[in-house]
PDB file of N, CA and C in Angstrom:
ATOM      1  N   MET A   1     -23.052   6.461  -3.361  1.00  0.00           N
ATOM      2  CA  MET A   1     -23.774   5.067  -3.177  1.00  0.00           C
ATOM      3  C   MET A   1     -22.557   3.765  -2.768  1.00  0.00           C
ATOM      4  N   GLN A   2     -21.244   4.613  -2.839  1.00  0.00           N
ATOM      5  CA  GLN A   2     -19.985   2.864  -2.108  1.00  0.00           C
ATOM      6  C   GLN A   2     -19.342   4.336  -1.183  1.00  0.00           C
ATOM      7  N   ARG A   3     -18.589   3.916  -0.292  1.00  0.00           N
ATOM      8  CA  ARG A   3     -17.637   3.651   1.009  1.00  0.00           C
ATOM      9  C   ARG A   3     -16.822   3.248   1.054  1.00  0.00           C
ATOM     10  N   SER A   4     -15.686   3.400   0.690  1.00  0.00           N
ATOM     11  CA  SER A   4     -14.346   2.802   1.147  1.00  0.00           C
ATOM     12  C   SER A   4     -13.808   3.372   2.275  1.00  0.00           C
ATOM     13  N   CYS A   5     -13.385   2.006   3.083  1.00  0.00           N
ATOM     14  CA  CYS A   5     -12.826   2.225   4.591  1.00  0.00           C
ATOM     15  C   CYS A   5     -11.670   1.093   4.800  1.00  0.00           C
ATOM     16  N   ARG A   6     -10.923   0.788   5.290  1.00  0.00           N
ATOM     17  CA  ARG A   6      -9.413  -0.054   5.725  1.00  0.00           C
ATOM     18  C   ARG A   6     -10.089  -0.294   7.578  1.00  0.00           C
ATOM     19  N   PHE A   7      -9.803  -1.371   7.469  1.00  0.00           N
ATOM     20  CA  PHE A   7     -10.946  -2.497   8.657  1.00  0.00           C
ATOM     21  C   PHE A   7      -9.644  -3.182   8.971  1.00  0.00           C
ATOM     22  N   LEU A   8      -9.838  -4.027  10.192  1.00  0.00           N
ATOM     23  CA  LEU A   8      -8.964  -5.352  10.595  1.00  0.00           C
ATOM     24  C   LEU A   8      -9.664  -5.936  11.040  1.00  0.00           C
ATOM     25  N   LYS A   9      -9.224  -7.198  10.655  1.00  0.00           N
ATOM     26  CA  LYS A   9      -9.976  -8.406  10.231  1.00  0.00           C
ATOM     27  C   LYS A   9     -11.074  -8.700  11.838  1.00  0.00           C
ATOM     28  N   VAL A  10     -10.651  -8.254  12.914  1.00  0.00           N
ATOM     29  CA  VAL A  10     -11.267  -8.368  14.261  1.00  0.00           C
ATOM     30  C   VAL A  10     -12.465  -7.565  14.071  1.00  0.00           C
ATOM     31  N   ASP A  11     -12.228  -6.748  12.968  1.00  0.00           N
ATOM     32  CA  ASP A  11     -13.504  -5.259  13.384  1.00  0.00           C
ATOM     33  C   ASP A  11     -14.874  -5.247  12.478  1.00  0.00           C
ATOM     34  N   PHE A  12     -14.457  -6.360  11.383  1.00  0.00           N
ATOM     35  CA  PHE A  12     -15.017  -7.022  10.337  1.00  0.00           C
ATOM     36  C   PHE A  12     -17.030  -6.950  10.961  1.00  0.00           C
ATOM     37  N   ASP A  13     -16.823  -8.171  10.948  1.00  0.00           N
ATOM     38  CA  ASP A  13     -17.936  -9.109  11.741  1.00  0.00           C
ATOM     39  C   ASP A  13     -18.893  -7.584  12.407  1.00  0.00           C
ATOM     40  N   CYS A  14     -18.473  -7.236  13.828  1.00  0.00           N
ATOM     41  CA  CYS A  14     -19.103  -6.170  14.600  1.00  0.00           C
ATOM     42  C   CYS A  14     -20.083  -4.943  13.663  1.00  0.00           C
ATOM     43  N   TYR A  15     -18.825  -4.847  13.001  1.00  0.00           N
ATOM     44  CA  TYR A  15     -18.645  -3.728  12.295  1.00  0.00           C
ATOM     45  C   TYR A  15     -19.973  -3.249  10.961  1.00  0.00           C
ATOM     46  N   PHE A  16     -19.783  -4.622  10.624  1.00  0.00           N
ATOM     47  CA  PHE A  16     -20.767  -5.204   9.332  1.00  0.00           C
ATOM     48  C   PHE A  16     -22.494  -5.283   9.862  1.00  0.00           C
ATOM     49  N   GLN A  17     -22.153  -6.227  10.962  1.00  0.00           N
ATOM     50  CA  GLN A  17     -23.460  -6.201  11.903  1.00  0.00           C
ATOM     51  C   GLN A  17     -24.626  -4.786  12.464  1.00  0.00           C
ATOM     52  N   ASN A  18     -23.187  -4.203  13.046  1.00  0.00           N
ATOM     53  CA  ASN A  18     -24.362  -3.206  13.696  1.00  0.00           C
ATOM     54  C   ASN A  18     -24.460  -2.187  12.626  1.00  0.00           C
ATOM     55  N   LEU A  19     -23.941  -1.947  11.427  1.00  0.00           N
ATOM     56  CA  LEU A  19     -23.833  -1.396  10.368  1.00  0.00           C
ATOM     57  C   LEU A  19     -25.498  -1.423   9.710  1.00  0.00           C
ATOM     58  N   LEU A  20     -25.202  -2.991   9.680  1.00  0.00           N
ATOM     59  CA  LEU A  20     -26.911  -3.151   8.792  1.00  0.00           C
ATOM     60  C   LEU A  20     -27.798  -3.084   9.496  1.00  0.00           C
ATOM     61  N   GLU A  21     -28.125  -3.251  11.274  1.00  0.00           N
ATOM     62  CA  GLU A  21     -29.145  -3.131  12.109  1.00  0.00           C
ATOM     63  C   GLU A  21     -29.100  -2.057  12.020  1.00  0.00           C
ATOM     64  N   GLN A  22     -28.337  -0.887  11.882  1.00  0.00           N
ATOM     65  CA  GLN A  22     -28.718   0.229  11.597  1.00  0.00           C
ATOM     66  C   GLN A  22     -29.618   0.833  10.465  1.00  0.00           C
ATOM     67  N   ARG A  23     -29.444   0.270   9.532  1.00  0.00           N
ATOM     68  CA  ARG A  23     -30.218   0.865   8.346  1.00  0.00           C
ATOM     69  C   ARG A  23     -28.712   1.713   7.829  1.00  0.00           C
ATOM     70  N   LEU A  24     -27.677   1.823   8.579  1.00  0.00           N
ATOM     71  CA  LEU A  24     -26.622   2.309   7.630  1.00  0.00           C
ATOM     72  C   LEU A  24     -25.863   1.787   6.990  1.00  0.00           C
ATOM     73  N   ILE A  25     -26.308   0.681   6.323  1.00  0.00           N
ATOM     74  CA  ILE A  25     -25.800   0.486   5.079  1.00  0.00           C
ATOM     75  C   ILE A  25     -26.468  -0.785   4.519  1.00  0.00           C
ATOM     76  N   ALA A  26     -26.494  -1.086   3.274  1.00  0.00           N
ATOM     77  CA  ALA A  26     -27.198  -1.842   2.602  1.00  0.00           C
ATOM     78  C   ALA A  26     -25.954  -3.439   2.348  1.00  0.00           C
ATOM     79  N   CYS A  27     -25.303  -3.521   2.285  1.00  0.00           N
ATOM     80  CA  CYS A  27     -24.394  -4.759   1.885  1.00  0.00           C
ATOM     81  C   CYS A  27     -22.781  -4.054   2.552  1.00  0.00           C
ATOM     82  N   GLY A  28     -22.464  -4.701   2.942  1.00  0.00           N
ATOM     83  CA  GLY A  28     -21.012  -4.753   3.359  1.00  0.00           C
ATOM     84  C   GLY A  28     -20.349  -5.540   2.342  1.00  0.00           C
ATOM     85  N   SER A  29     -18.991  -4.838   1.958  1.00  0.00           N
ATOM     86  CA  SER A  29     -17.787  -6.489   1.196  1.00  0.00           C
ATOM     87  C   SER A  29     -16.522  -6.212   1.534  1.00  0.00           C
ATOM     88  N   LEU A  30     -15.786  -7.264   1.928  1.00  0.00           N
ATOM     89  CA  LEU A  30     -14.334  -7.273   1.941  1.00  0.00           C
ATOM     90  C   LEU A  30     -13.809  -7.815   1.152  1.00  0.00           C
ATOM     91  N   PHE A  31     -12.229  -7.003   0.355  1.00  0.00           N
ATOM     92  CA  PHE A  31     -11.407  -7.359  -0.445  1.00  0.00           C
ATOM     93  C   PHE A  31     -10.265  -7.871   0.553  1.00  0.00           C
ATOM     94  N   PRO A  32      -9.682  -9.347  -0.360  1.00  0.00           N
ATOM     95  CA  PRO A  32      -8.729  -9.863   0.650  1.00  0.00           C
ATOM     96  C   PRO A  32      -7.894  -9.235   1.081  1.00  0.00           C
ATOM     97  N   GLU A  33      -6.963  -9.516   1.825  1.00  0.00           N
ATOM     98  CA  GLU A  33      -5.955  -8.763   2.389  1.00  0.00           C
ATOM     99  C   GLU A  33      -5.536  -8.142   1.858  1.00  0.00           C
ATOM    100  N   ILE A  34      -4.444  -6.810   1.937  1.00  0.00           N
ATOM    101  CA  ILE A  34      -3.992  -6.224   1.923  1.00  0.00           C
ATOM    102  C   ILE A  34      -2.624  -5.801   2.213  1.00  0.00           C
ATOM    103  N   GLU A  35      -1.354  -5.581   1.477  1.00  0.00           N
ATOM    104  CA  GLU A  35      -0.562  -4.274   1.555  1.00  0.00           C
ATOM    105  C   GLU A  35      -0.939  -3.398   1.457  1.00  0.00           C
ATOM    106  N   SER A  36       0.092  -2.365   2.232  1.00  0.00           N
ATOM    107  CA  SER A  36      -0.209  -1.015   2.598  1.00  0.00           C
ATOM    108  C   SER A  36       1.211  -0.355   3.171  1.00  0.00           C
ATOM    109  N   MET A  37       1.775   0.751   2.331  1.00  0.00           N
ATOM    110  CA  MET A  37       2.348   1.162   2.564  1.00  0.00           C
ATOM    111  C   MET A  37       2.094   3.138   2.924  1.00  0.00           C
ATOM    112  N   TYR A  38       2.653   3.073   3.935  1.00  0.00           N
ATOM    113  CA  TYR A  38       2.664   4.770   4.158  1.00  0.00           C
ATOM    114  C   TYR A  38       3.130   5.428   5.345  1.00  0.00           C
ATOM    115  N   ARG A  39       3.221   7.171   5.547  1.00  0.00           N
ATOM    116  CA  ARG A  39       4.053   7.655   6.600  1.00  0.00           C
ATOM    117  C   ARG A  39       3.225   7.682   7.257  1.00  0.00           C
ATOM    118  N   TRP A  40       3.540   7.628   8.314  1.00  0.00           N
ATOM    119  CA  TRP A  40       2.972   7.789  10.112  1.00  0.00           C
ATOM    120  C   TRP A  40       3.919   7.896  10.880  1.00  0.00           C
ATOM    121  N   LYS A  41       3.628   9.204  11.424  1.00  0.00           N
ATOM    122  CA  LYS A  41       4.602  10.093  12.394  1.00  0.00           C
ATOM    123  C   LYS A  41       5.665  10.185  11.899  1.00  0.00           C
ATOM    124  N   GLY A  42       6.425  10.681  10.956  1.00  0.00           N
ATOM    125  CA  GLY A  42       7.340  10.469  10.486  1.00  0.00           C
ATOM    126  C   GLY A  42       8.610   9.692   9.842  1.00  0.00           C
ATOM    127  N   LYS A  43       7.466   8.596   9.862  1.00  0.00           N
ATOM    128  CA  LYS A  43       8.353   7.365   9.335  1.00  0.00           C
ATOM    129  C   LYS A  43       7.373   6.523   8.458  1.00  0.00           C
ATOM    130  N   ILE A  44       8.274   5.439   7.505  1.00  0.00           N
ATOM    131  CA  ILE A  44       7.303   4.637   6.622  1.00  0.00           C
ATOM    132  C   ILE A  44       6.949   3.143   6.975  1.00  0.00           C
ATOM    133  N   GLU A  45       5.006   3.021   7.027  1.00  0.00           N
ATOM    134  CA  GLU A  45       5.223   2.397   7.496  1.00  0.00           C
ATOM    135  C   GLU A  45       4.677   1.838   7.075  1.00  0.00           C
ATOM    136  N   GLU A  46       4.925  -0.391   7.034  1.00  0.00           N
ATOM    137  CA  GLU A  46       3.931  -1.037   6.507  1.00  0.00           C
ATOM    138  C   GLU A  46       2.896  -1.747   7.109  1.00  0.00           C
ATOM    139  N   GLY A  47       1.959  -2.356   6.496  1.00  0.00           N
ATOM    140  CA  GLY A  47       0.985  -3.323   7.280  1.00  0.00           C
ATOM    141  C   GLY A  47       0.205  -3.814   6.176  1.00  0.00           C
ATOM    142  N   LYS A  48      -0.604  -4.516   6.898  1.00  0.00           N
ATOM    143  CA  LYS A  48      -1.709  -5.490   6.663  1.00  0.00           C
ATOM    144  C   LYS A  48      -2.830  -5.200   6.841  1.00  0.00           C
ATOM    145  N   GLU A  49      -4.160  -4.528   5.969  1.00  0.00           N
ATOM    146  CA  GLU A  49      -5.385  -4.356   6.025  1.00  0.00           C
ATOM    147  C   GLU A  49      -6.488  -5.539   5.182  1.00  0.00           C
ATOM    148  N   ILE A  50      -7.586  -5.072   5.667  1.00  0.00           N
ATOM    149  CA  ILE A  50      -8.737  -5.846   4.331  1.00  0.00           C
ATOM    150  C   ILE A  50      -9.241  -4.154   4.157  1.00  0.00           C
ATOM    151  N   LYS A  51      -9.531  -4.200   3.251  1.00  0.00           N
ATOM    152  CA  LYS A  51     -10.099  -2.808   2.302  1.00  0.00           C
ATOM    153  C   LYS A  51     -11.959  -3.848   2.343  1.00  0.00           C
ATOM    154  N   ALA A  52     -12.536  -2.428   2.944  1.00  0.00           N
ATOM    155  CA  ALA A  52     -13.808  -2.817   2.801  1.00  0.00           C
ATOM    156  C   ALA A  52     -14.784  -2.209   2.231  1.00  0.00           C
ATOM    157  N   VAL A  53     -15.794  -2.479   1.301  1.00  0.00           N
ATOM    158  CA  VAL A  53     -17.239  -1.234   0.508  1.00  0.00           C
ATOM    159  C   VAL A  53     -18.274  -1.637   1.398  1.00  0.00           C
ATOM    160  N   LEU A  54     -18.846   0.231   1.589  1.00  0.00           N
ATOM    161  CA  LEU A  54     -20.275  -0.753   2.343  1.00  0.00           C
ATOM    162  C   LEU A  54     -21.106   0.534   1.292  1.00  0.00           C
ATOM    163  N   LYS A  55     -22.257  -0.327   1.221  1.00  0.00           N
ATOM    164  CA  LYS A  55     -22.802   0.418  -0.093  1.00  0.00           C
ATOM    165  C   LYS A  55     -24.039   1.023   0.628  1.00  0.00           C
ATOM    166  N   THR A  56     -24.590   2.179   0.437  1.00  0.00           N
ATOM    167  CA  THR A  56     -25.718   2.503   1.494  1.00  0.00           C
ATOM    168  C   THR A  56     -25.852   4.106   0.210  1.00  0.00           C
ATOM    169  N   GLN A  57     -26.847   4.959   1.097  1.00  0.00           N
ATOM    170  CA  GLN A  57     -27.158   6.540   0.495  1.00  0.00           C
ATOM    171  C   GLN A  57     -26.202   7.244   0.810  1.00  0.00           C
ATOM    172  N   GLY A  58     -26.207   8.502   0.223  1.00  0.00           N
ATOM    173  CA  GLY A  58     -24.760   9.627   0.210  1.00  0.00           C
ATOM    174  C   GLY A  58     -25.525  10.246   1.728  1.00  0.00           C
ATOM    175  N   CYS A  59     -26.744  10.386   2.377  1.00  0.00           N
ATOM    176  CA  CYS A  59     -26.808  10.949   3.053  1.00  0.00           C
ATOM    177  C   CYS A  59     -26.722   9.845   4.662  1.00  0.00           C
ATOM    178  N   ARG A  60     -26.754   8.978   4.807  1.00  0.00           N
ATOM    179  CA  ARG A  60     -25.903   8.069   5.594  1.00  0.00           C
ATOM    180  C   ARG A  60     -24.155   8.752   6.138  1.00  0.00           C
ATOM    181  N   PHE A  61     -23.391   8.705   4.992  1.00  0.00           N
ATOM    182  CA  PHE A  61     -21.821   9.481   4.973  1.00  0.00           C
ATOM    183  C   PHE A  61     -21.599   9.522   7.114  1.00  0.00           C
ATOM    184  N   GLU A  62     -21.779  10.581   7.326  1.00  0.00           N
ATOM    185  CA  GLU A  62     -21.961  10.777   8.191  1.00  0.00           C
ATOM    186  C   GLU A  62     -21.753  10.236   9.718  1.00  0.00           C
ATOM    187  N   ALA A  63     -22.949   9.259   9.162  1.00  0.00           N
ATOM    188  CA  ALA A  63     -23.244   8.583  10.389  1.00  0.00           C
ATOM    189  C   ALA A  63     -22.672   7.281  10.425  1.00  0.00           C
ATOM    190  N   ILE A  64     -21.742   6.783   9.021  1.00  0.00           N
ATOM    191  CA  ILE A  64     -21.086   5.723   9.030  1.00  0.00           C
ATOM    192  C   ILE A  64     -19.457   6.135   9.848  1.00  0.00           C
ATOM    193  N   CYS A  65     -19.454   7.705   9.183  1.00  0.00           N
ATOM    194  CA  CYS A  65     -18.172   7.819   9.635  1.00  0.00           C
ATOM    195  C   CYS A  65     -17.716   7.768  11.104  1.00  0.00           C
ATOM    196  N   MET A  66     -18.917   8.887  11.872  1.00  0.00           N
ATOM    197  CA  MET A  66     -18.802   7.995  13.052  1.00  0.00           C
ATOM    198  C   MET A  66     -18.926   7.010  13.891  1.00  0.00           C
ATOM    199  N   TYR A  67     -19.366   6.435  13.634  1.00  0.00           N
ATOM    200  CA  TYR A  67     -19.145   4.707  13.852  1.00  0.00           C
ATOM    201  C   TYR A  67     -18.108   4.134  13.897  1.00  0.00           C
ATOM    202  N   ILE A  68     -17.910   4.587  12.367  1.00  0.00           N
ATOM    203  CA  ILE A  68     -16.415   3.954  12.346  1.00  0.00           C
ATOM    204  C   ILE A  68     -15.202   4.441  13.375  1.00  0.00           C
ATOM    205  N   VAL A  69     -15.044   5.766  13.487  1.00  0.00           N
ATOM    206  CA  VAL A  69     -14.308   6.754  14.237  1.00  0.00           C
ATOM    207  C   VAL A  69     -14.473   6.512  15.328  1.00  0.00           C
ATOM    208  N   GLU A  70     -15.318   6.648  16.342  1.00  0.00           N
ATOM    209  CA  GLU A  70     -15.840   5.805  17.422  1.00  0.00           C
ATOM    210  C   GLU A  70     -15.616   4.244  17.563  1.00  0.00           C
ATOM    211  N   ASN A  71     -15.553   3.532  17.464  1.00  0.00           N
ATOM    212  CA  ASN A  71     -15.446   1.853  17.366  1.00  0.00           C
ATOM    213  C   ASN A  71     -14.293   1.605  16.955  1.00  0.00           C
ATOM    214  N   GLY A  72     -13.842   1.830  15.546  1.00  0.00           N
ATOM    215  CA  GLY A  72     -12.913   1.623  15.374  1.00  0.00           C
ATOM    216  C   GLY A  72     -11.551   1.663  16.077  1.00  0.00           C
ATOM    217  N   SER A  73     -10.424   0.811  15.501  1.00  0.00           N
ATOM    218  CA  SER A  73      -9.170   0.538  16.001  1.00  0.00           C
ATOM    219  C   SER A  73      -7.970   1.571  15.560  1.00  0.00           C
ATOM    220  N   TYR A  74      -8.260   1.731  14.647  1.00  0.00           N
ATOM    221  CA  TYR A  74      -7.356   2.962  14.021  1.00  0.00           C
ATOM    222  C   TYR A  74      -8.006   4.412  14.786  1.00  0.00           C
ATOM    223  N   GLU A  75      -6.241   5.013  14.576  1.00  0.00           N
ATOM    224  CA  GLU A  75      -6.360   7.012  15.140  1.00  0.00           C
ATOM    225  C   GLU A  75      -7.011   7.699  14.123  1.00  0.00           C
ATOM    226  N   ILE A  76      -6.772   7.867  12.863  1.00  0.00           N
ATOM    227  CA  ILE A  76      -7.387   7.978  11.951  1.00  0.00           C
ATOM    228  C   ILE A  76      -7.583   6.875  10.648  1.00  0.00           C
ATOM    229  N   PRO A  77      -9.022   6.381  10.644  1.00  0.00           N
ATOM    230  CA  PRO A  77      -9.331   5.831   9.458  1.00  0.00           C
ATOM    231  C   PRO A  77      -9.810   6.161   8.265  1.00  0.00           C
ATOM    232  N   GLU A  78      -9.003   5.515   7.427  1.00  0.00           N
ATOM    233  CA  GLU A  78      -9.049   6.392   5.834  1.00  0.00           C
ATOM    234  C   GLU A  78     -11.131   5.540   5.512  1.00  0.00           C
ATOM    235  N   ILE A  79     -11.474   6.477   5.469  1.00  0.00           N
ATOM    236  CA  ILE A  79     -13.069   6.587   5.131  1.00  0.00           C
ATOM    237  C   ILE A  79     -13.462   7.310   4.033  1.00  0.00           C
ATOM    238  N   ALA A  80     -13.739   7.434   2.388  1.00  0.00           N
ATOM    239  CA  ALA A  80     -13.763   8.214   1.270  1.00  0.00           C
ATOM    240  C   ALA A  80     -15.109   7.635   0.780  1.00  0.00           C
ATOM    241  N   GLN A  81     -16.105   8.630   0.599  1.00  0.00           N
ATOM    242  CA  GLN A  81     -17.200   8.543  -0.478  1.00  0.00           C
ATOM    243  C   GLN A  81     -16.496   8.290  -2.047  1.00  0.00           C
ATOM    244  N   VAL A  82     -17.593   7.886  -2.686  1.00  0.00           N
ATOM    245  CA  VAL A  82     -17.394   6.915  -4.296  1.00  0.00           C
ATOM    246  C   VAL A  82     -18.686   7.113  -4.660  1.00  0.00           C
ATOM    247  N   ASP A  83     -19.294   8.309  -5.263  1.00  0.00           N
ATOM    248  CA  ASP A  83     -20.603   7.923  -5.967  1.00  0.00           C
ATOM    249  C   ASP A  83     -20.715   7.460  -6.725  1.00  0.00           C
ATOM    250  N   VAL A  84     -21.463   6.873  -6.888  1.00  0.00           N
ATOM    251  CA  VAL A  84     -22.511   5.822  -8.358  1.00  0.00           C
ATOM    252  C   VAL A  84     -22.904   6.762  -9.537  1.00  0.00           C
ATOM    253  N   VAL A  85     -22.525   6.615 -10.450  1.00  0.00           N
ATOM    254  CA  VAL A  85     -22.538   8.049 -11.254  1.00  0.00           C
ATOM    255  C   VAL A  85     -23.625   7.124 -12.342  1.00  0.00           C
ATOM    256  N   LYS A  86     -24.005   5.826 -12.144  1.00  0.00           N
ATOM    257  CA  LYS A  86     -24.352   4.837 -13.129  1.00  0.00           C
ATOM    258  C   LYS A  86     -24.645   3.746 -12.307  1.00  0.00           C
ATOM    259  N   GLY A  87     -25.265   2.634 -12.594  1.00  0.00           N
ATOM    260  CA  GLY A  87     -25.711   1.294 -12.042  1.00  0.00           C
ATOM    261  C   GLY A  87     -26.923   0.745 -12.384  1.00  0.00           C
ATOM    262  N   ASN A  88     -26.981  -0.355 -11.953  1.00  0.00           N
ATOM    263  CA  ASN A  88     -27.871  -1.448 -12.303  1.00  0.00           C
ATOM    264  C   ASN A  88     -28.777  -0.624 -11.522  1.00  0.00           C
ATOM    265  N   PRO A  89     -30.385  -0.033 -11.738  1.00  0.00           N
ATOM    266  CA  PRO A  89     -31.340   0.354 -11.369  1.00  0.00           C
ATOM    267  C   PRO A  89     -31.931  -0.419 -10.735  1.00  0.00           C
ATOM    268  N   LEU A  90     -32.009  -1.449 -10.676  1.00  0.00           N
ATOM    269  CA  LEU A  90     -32.564  -2.280  -9.467  1.00  0.00           C
ATOM    270  C   LEU A  90     -31.804  -2.526  -8.664  1.00  0.00           C
ATOM    271  N   TYR A  91     -30.378  -2.681  -8.809  1.00  0.00           N
ATOM    272  CA  TYR A  91     -29.531  -2.870  -7.935  1.00  0.00           C
ATOM    273  C   TYR A  91     -29.727  -1.692  -7.018  1.00  0.00           C
ATOM    274  N   LEU A  92     -29.440   0.087  -7.472  1.00  0.00           N
ATOM    275  CA  LEU A  92     -29.807   0.660  -6.426  1.00  0.00           C
ATOM    276  C   LEU A  92     -30.934   1.309  -5.739  1.00  0.00           C
ATOM    277  N   SER A  93     -31.525   0.534  -6.474  1.00  0.00           N
ATOM    278  CA  SER A  93     -33.261   0.894  -6.068  1.00  0.00           C
ATOM    279  C   SER A  93     -33.552   0.051  -4.168  1.00  0.00           C
ATOM    280  N   TRP A  94     -32.403  -0.899  -4.613  1.00  0.00           N
ATOM    281  CA  TRP A  94     -32.813  -2.402  -3.669  1.00  0.00           C
ATOM    282  C   TRP A  94     -31.707  -1.301  -2.290  1.00  0.00           C
ATOM    283  N   ALA A  95     -30.568  -1.156  -3.013  1.00  0.00           N
ATOM    284  CA  ALA A  95     -29.850  -0.621  -1.816  1.00  0.00           C
ATOM    285  C   ALA A  95     -30.582   0.710  -0.965  1.00  0.00           C
ATOM    286  N   LEU A  96     -31.317   1.427  -1.505  1.00  0.00           N
ATOM    287  CA  LEU A  96     -31.881   2.869  -1.325  1.00  0.00           C
ATOM    288  C   LEU A  96     -32.890   2.659  -0.261  1.00  0.00           C
ATOM    289  N   GLU A  97     -33.403   0.815  -0.584  1.00  0.00           N
ATOM    290  CA  GLU A  97     -34.664   0.672   0.722  1.00  0.00           C
ATOM    291  C   GLU A  97     -34.082   0.311   1.743  1.00  0.00           C
ATOM    292  N   ALA A  98     -33.039  -0.404   1.588  1.00  0.00           N
ATOM    293  CA  ALA A  98     -32.508  -1.424   2.259  1.00  0.00           C
ATOM    294  C   ALA A  98     -31.867  -0.784   3.682  1.00  0.00           C
ATOM    295  N   THR A  99     -31.503   0.913   2.835  1.00  0.00           N
ATOM    296  CA  THR A  99     -30.923   2.346   4.128  1.00  0.00           C
ATOM    297  C   THR A  99     -32.203   2.300   4.346  1.00  0.00           C
ATOM    298  N   LEU A 100     -33.075   3.223   4.045  1.00  0.00           N
ATOM    299  CA  LEU A 100     -34.303   3.767   4.724  1.00  0.00           C
ATOM    300  C   LEU A 100     -34.610   3.722   6.189  1.00  0.00           C
ATOM    301  N   PRO A 101     -34.865   4.726   7.294  1.00  0.00           N
ATOM    302  CA  PRO A 101     -35.413   4.675   8.598  1.00  0.00           C
ATOM    303  C   PRO A 101     -36.256   3.333   8.292  1.00  0.00           C
TER     304      PRO A 101
END
């Protein structure tokens, strides 16, 4: 049900708007700016990012990944699927309905 990925702020508005219009997500939420440290091309790097959570159904994962890879500013974006085991049935029904073609 949820996808987790890191965005730069400049990507946010366009990404969420397009994914909502295509009915690939029911909702997108942002966490405040976060600090990240990571190994990249043999060096330890630091950077500020915005963490996004996209609410959708599992069958939309590949299309969302493709969209982010093709349109994002990251060479290798972090995209991870987190399956929801339990949740508010009304919310889960809404999210599924919102992402039906």
